Amino acid sequence: YLNICSSLLLSALCSDYSEFFSLCLKTPKPSVTIKPAQHVFRGERVTLRCDINAEGVTSWQYGWYKDSSVNAFSDKQEYTFSSVTESDAGKYFCDGSERGGSRTSHRSDKVTLTVSGEFDHLFTYTHKFNMLLMSWT
C-alpha cells in the first residue's frame, strides 16, 4: 500500500494529483447513533444519525439501509421515525459518497434497533414505581 502511494505521489509531481488522492487517501468508516436509545418502546420518536469524518470532504450524500437490503431508504444524514413500531426494529447501517466529488466511505457497522410493545413499557414503569415505593418503606 505504501509503495503504491509513494510511486503515485512521484508520478503526481510530474502530472496530475487526482490518481494519488483517489487511491491513497484513507476511506472513512461512518458511525451510527440512535437517539434516544437502541431499545425503545412503540410510539417513541427515534432518530438515526450517520457521521462520516474525512479530511477535505464537506458535503456527503448518505445512504441508509436496513438488515440485508441493498436499496437505500433515505439519502439524508439523519432519519427520524416520528412514531416507531415493531416493524421498524432491525439492524441499520449507512454509507456515503461525496457530493460533487469522487470519494466514498465504507459501510458503517450495523446497529440494532429494538422496539418493545406498550405492555413491556407499562410493565417496566410499573416495576420502577413499585421499587421506588419499596425504597420509601
C-alpha atoms as a PDB file:
ATOM      1  CA  TYR A   1       0.000   0.000   0.000  1.00  0.00           C
ATOM      2  CA  LEU A   2       2.748   2.457   0.945  1.00  0.00           C
ATOM      3  CA  ASN A   3       4.817   1.616  -2.169  1.00  0.00           C
ATOM      4  CA  ILE A   4       1.808   2.210  -4.413  1.00  0.00           C
ATOM      5  CA  CYS A   5       1.155   5.585  -2.778  1.00  0.00           C
ATOM      6  CA  SER A   6       4.837   6.573  -2.973  1.00  0.00           C
ATOM      7  CA  SER A   7       5.078   5.776  -6.675  1.00  0.00           C
ATOM      8  CA  LEU A   8       1.776   7.542  -7.351  1.00  0.00           C
ATOM      9  CA  LEU A   9       2.977  10.624  -5.461  1.00  0.00           C
ATOM     10  CA  LEU A  10       6.176  10.707  -7.534  1.00  0.00           C
ATOM     11  CA  SER A  11       4.219  10.437 -10.766  1.00  0.00           C
ATOM     12  CA  ALA A  12       1.744  13.047  -9.473  1.00  0.00           C
ATOM     13  CA  LEU A  13       4.596  15.533  -9.082  1.00  0.00           C
ATOM     14  CA  CYS A  14       5.070  15.352 -12.833  1.00  0.00           C
ATOM     15  CA  SER A  15       1.419  15.193 -13.896  1.00  0.00           C
ATOM     16  CA  ASP A  16      -1.920  15.062 -12.094  1.00  0.00           C
ATOM     17  CA  TYR A  17      -2.631  14.594  -8.367  1.00  0.00           C
ATOM     18  CA  SER A  18      -6.095  13.088  -8.888  1.00  0.00           C
ATOM     19  CA  GLU A  19      -4.918   9.457  -9.090  1.00  0.00           C
ATOM     20  CA  PHE A  20      -2.825   9.870  -5.937  1.00  0.00           C
ATOM     21  CA  PHE A  21      -5.709  11.344  -3.940  1.00  0.00           C
ATOM     22  CA  SER A  22      -8.295   8.823  -5.114  1.00  0.00           C
ATOM     23  CA  LEU A  23      -6.133   5.795  -4.275  1.00  0.00           C
ATOM     24  CA  CYS A  24      -4.129   6.935  -1.262  1.00  0.00           C
ATOM     25  CA  LEU A  25      -6.477   8.905   0.956  1.00  0.00           C
ATOM     26  CA  LYS A  26      -7.981   6.730   3.649  1.00  0.00           C
ATOM     27  CA  THR A  27     -11.546   5.623   3.061  1.00  0.00           C
ATOM     28  CA  PRO A  28     -13.583   6.734   6.096  1.00  0.00           C
ATOM     29  CA  LYS A  29     -15.883   4.446   8.053  1.00  0.00           C
ATOM     30  CA  PRO A  30     -19.144   6.060   9.213  1.00  0.00           C
ATOM     31  CA  SER A  31     -20.534   5.736  12.718  1.00  0.00           C
ATOM     32  CA  VAL A  32     -24.238   5.367  13.509  1.00  0.00           C
ATOM     33  CA  THR A  33     -26.017   6.703  16.570  1.00  0.00           C
ATOM     34  CA  ILE A  34     -29.601   6.056  17.624  1.00  0.00           C
ATOM     35  CA  LYS A  35     -31.415   8.531  19.860  1.00  0.00           C
ATOM     36  CA  PRO A  36     -32.902   8.318  22.404  1.00  0.00           C
ATOM     37  CA  ALA A  37     -31.625   4.711  22.681  1.00  0.00           C
ATOM     38  CA  GLN A  38     -31.193   1.441  20.788  1.00  0.00           C
ATOM     39  CA  HIS A  39     -34.010  -0.132  22.817  1.00  0.00           C
ATOM     40  CA  VAL A  40     -37.189   1.925  22.621  1.00  0.00           C
ATOM     41  CA  PHE A  41     -40.936   1.487  23.004  1.00  0.00           C
ATOM     42  CA  ARG A  42     -43.658   1.587  20.380  1.00  0.00           C
ATOM     43  CA  GLY A  43     -44.754   5.155  19.631  1.00  0.00           C
ATOM     44  CA  GLU A  44     -41.481   6.843  20.564  1.00  0.00           C
ATOM     45  CA  ARG A  45     -39.691   9.265  18.260  1.00  0.00           C
ATOM     46  CA  VAL A  46     -36.374   7.729  17.142  1.00  0.00           C
ATOM     47  CA  THR A  47     -33.578   9.346  15.128  1.00  0.00           C
ATOM     48  CA  LEU A  48     -30.787   7.528  13.293  1.00  0.00           C
ATOM     49  CA  ARG A  49     -27.677   9.614  12.554  1.00  0.00           C
ATOM     50  CA  CYS A  50     -24.752   8.821  10.258  1.00  0.00           C
ATOM     51  CA  ASP A  51     -21.455  10.644  10.869  1.00  0.00           C
ATOM     52  CA  ILE A  52     -18.565  10.469   8.416  1.00  0.00           C
ATOM     53  CA  ASN A  53     -15.279  12.188   9.177  1.00  0.00           C
ATOM     54  CA  ALA A  54     -12.984  12.604   6.197  1.00  0.00           C
ATOM     55  CA  GLU A  55     -10.385  15.280   5.658  1.00  0.00           C
ATOM     56  CA  GLY A  56     -11.257  17.591   2.797  1.00  0.00           C
ATOM     57  CA  VAL A  57     -14.885  16.475   2.379  1.00  0.00           C
ATOM     58  CA  THR A  58     -17.519  18.986   3.453  1.00  0.00           C
ATOM     59  CA  SER A  59     -20.699  17.517   1.983  1.00  0.00           C
ATOM     60  CA  TRP A  60     -21.855  13.897   1.841  1.00  0.00           C
ATOM     61  CA  GLN A  61     -24.800  12.162   0.256  1.00  0.00           C
ATOM     62  CA  TYR A  62     -25.797   9.394   2.645  1.00  0.00           C
ATOM     63  CA  GLY A  63     -27.349   6.000   2.168  1.00  0.00           C
ATOM     64  CA  TRP A  64     -29.412   4.296   4.891  1.00  0.00           C
ATOM     65  CA  TYR A  65     -30.033   0.540   4.815  1.00  0.00           C
ATOM     66  CA  LYS A  66     -31.965  -1.920   6.964  1.00  0.00           C
ATOM     67  CA  ASP A  67     -30.971  -5.552   7.578  1.00  0.00           C
ATOM     68  CA  SER A  68     -29.693  -7.067   4.301  1.00  0.00           C
ATOM     69  CA  SER A  69     -31.310  -4.581   1.909  1.00  0.00           C
ATOM     70  CA  VAL A  70     -29.191  -3.245  -0.943  1.00  0.00           C
ATOM     71  CA  ASN A  71     -31.587  -0.351  -1.615  1.00  0.00           C
ATOM     72  CA  ALA A  72     -31.182   2.794   0.451  1.00  0.00           C
ATOM     73  CA  PHE A  73     -34.378   4.053   2.100  1.00  0.00           C
ATOM     74  CA  SER A  74     -33.005   7.578   2.711  1.00  0.00           C
ATOM     75  CA  ASP A  75     -30.162   9.813   1.492  1.00  0.00           C
ATOM     76  CA  LYS A  76     -30.115  12.232   4.450  1.00  0.00           C
ATOM     77  CA  GLN A  77     -27.641  12.333   7.342  1.00  0.00           C
ATOM     78  CA  GLU A  78     -30.474  11.823   9.824  1.00  0.00           C
ATOM     79  CA  TYR A  79     -33.567   9.694   9.516  1.00  0.00           C
ATOM     80  CA  THR A  80     -36.404  10.075  12.035  1.00  0.00           C
ATOM     81  CA  PHE A  81     -39.243   7.712  12.857  1.00  0.00           C
ATOM     82  CA  SER A  82     -41.932  10.010  14.280  1.00  0.00           C
ATOM     83  CA  SER A  83     -43.718   7.081  15.940  1.00  0.00           C
ATOM     84  CA  VAL A  84     -41.685   3.870  15.864  1.00  0.00           C
ATOM     85  CA  THR A  85     -43.396   0.457  15.525  1.00  0.00           C
ATOM     86  CA  GLU A  86     -42.219  -3.127  15.978  1.00  0.00           C
ATOM     87  CA  SER A  87     -41.793  -3.437  12.205  1.00  0.00           C
ATOM     88  CA  ASP A  88     -39.113  -0.718  12.367  1.00  0.00           C
ATOM     89  CA  ALA A  89     -36.925  -2.948  14.546  1.00  0.00           C
ATOM     90  CA  GLY A  90     -33.821  -4.276  12.806  1.00  0.00           C
ATOM     91  CA  LYS A  91     -30.173  -3.729  12.016  1.00  0.00           C
ATOM     92  CA  TYR A  92     -29.371  -0.367  10.414  1.00  0.00           C
ATOM     93  CA  PHE A  93     -26.226   0.860   8.682  1.00  0.00           C
ATOM     94  CA  CYS A  94     -25.152   3.732   6.458  1.00  0.00           C
ATOM     95  CA  ASP A  95     -22.578   4.778   3.902  1.00  0.00           C
ATOM     96  CA  GLY A  96     -21.775   7.936   1.993  1.00  0.00           C
ATOM     97  CA  SER A  97     -20.453   9.461  -1.193  1.00  0.00           C
ATOM     98  CA  GLU A  98     -19.009  12.934  -1.594  1.00  0.00           C
ATOM     99  CA  ARG A  99     -21.412  15.404  -3.206  1.00  0.00           C
ATOM    100  CA  GLY A 100     -19.807  16.653  -6.410  1.00  0.00           C
ATOM    101  CA  GLY A 101     -16.702  14.544  -5.816  1.00  0.00           C
ATOM    102  CA  SER A 102     -15.331  11.057  -6.175  1.00  0.00           C
ATOM    103  CA  ARG A 103     -14.774   9.925  -2.588  1.00  0.00           C
ATOM    104  CA  THR A 104     -16.902   7.265  -0.954  1.00  0.00           C
ATOM    105  CA  SER A 105     -16.995   5.784   2.522  1.00  0.00           C
ATOM    106  CA  HIS A 106     -17.023   2.242   3.783  1.00  0.00           C
ATOM    107  CA  ARG A 107     -20.277   0.969   5.242  1.00  0.00           C
ATOM    108  CA  SER A 108     -20.777   1.548   8.945  1.00  0.00           C
ATOM    109  CA  ASP A 109     -21.124  -1.257  11.437  1.00  0.00           C
ATOM    110  CA  LYS A 110     -24.713  -2.425  11.848  1.00  0.00           C
ATOM    111  CA  VAL A 111     -26.567  -1.034  14.854  1.00  0.00           C
ATOM    112  CA  THR A 112     -29.614  -2.848  16.216  1.00  0.00           C
ATOM    113  CA  LEU A 113     -32.853  -1.012  16.935  1.00  0.00           C
ATOM    114  CA  THR A 114     -35.164  -2.949  19.276  1.00  0.00           C
ATOM    115  CA  VAL A 115     -38.793  -1.888  19.662  1.00  0.00           C
ATOM    116  CA  SER A 116     -40.935  -3.190  22.525  1.00  0.00           C
ATOM    117  CA  GLY A 117     -44.714  -3.016  22.754  1.00  0.00           C
ATOM    118  CA  GLU A 118     -46.842  -0.990  25.139  1.00  0.00           C
ATOM    119  CA  PHE A 119     -47.258  -3.889  27.579  1.00  0.00           C
ATOM    120  CA  ASP A 120     -43.494  -4.038  28.100  1.00  0.00           C
ATOM    121  CA  HIS A 121     -43.448  -0.265  28.521  1.00  0.00           C
ATOM    122  CA  LEU A 122     -46.214  -0.391  31.139  1.00  0.00           C
ATOM    123  CA  PHE A 123     -44.544  -3.280  32.957  1.00  0.00           C
ATOM    124  CA  THR A 124     -41.179  -1.505  33.081  1.00  0.00           C
ATOM    125  CA  TYR A 125     -42.601   1.686  34.556  1.00  0.00           C
ATOM    126  CA  THR A 126     -44.868  -0.195  36.986  1.00  0.00           C
ATOM    127  CA  HIS A 127     -41.857  -2.172  38.188  1.00  0.00           C
ATOM    128  CA  LYS A 128     -39.789   1.009  38.624  1.00  0.00           C
ATOM    129  CA  PHE A 129     -42.645   2.647  40.529  1.00  0.00           C
ATOM    130  CA  ASN A 130     -43.017  -0.386  42.819  1.00  0.00           C
ATOM    131  CA  MET A 131     -39.275  -0.383  43.510  1.00  0.00           C
ATOM    132  CA  LEU A 132     -39.477   3.313  44.378  1.00  0.00           C
ATOM    133  CA  LEU A 133     -42.378   2.696  46.784  1.00  0.00           C
ATOM    134  CA  MET A 134     -40.485  -0.155  48.444  1.00  0.00           C
ATOM    135  CA  SER A 135     -37.461   2.083  48.997  1.00  0.00           C
ATOM    136  CA  TRP A 136     -39.602   4.545  50.976  1.00  0.00           C
ATOM    137  CA  THR A 137     -40.866   1.966  53.450  1.00  0.00           C
END
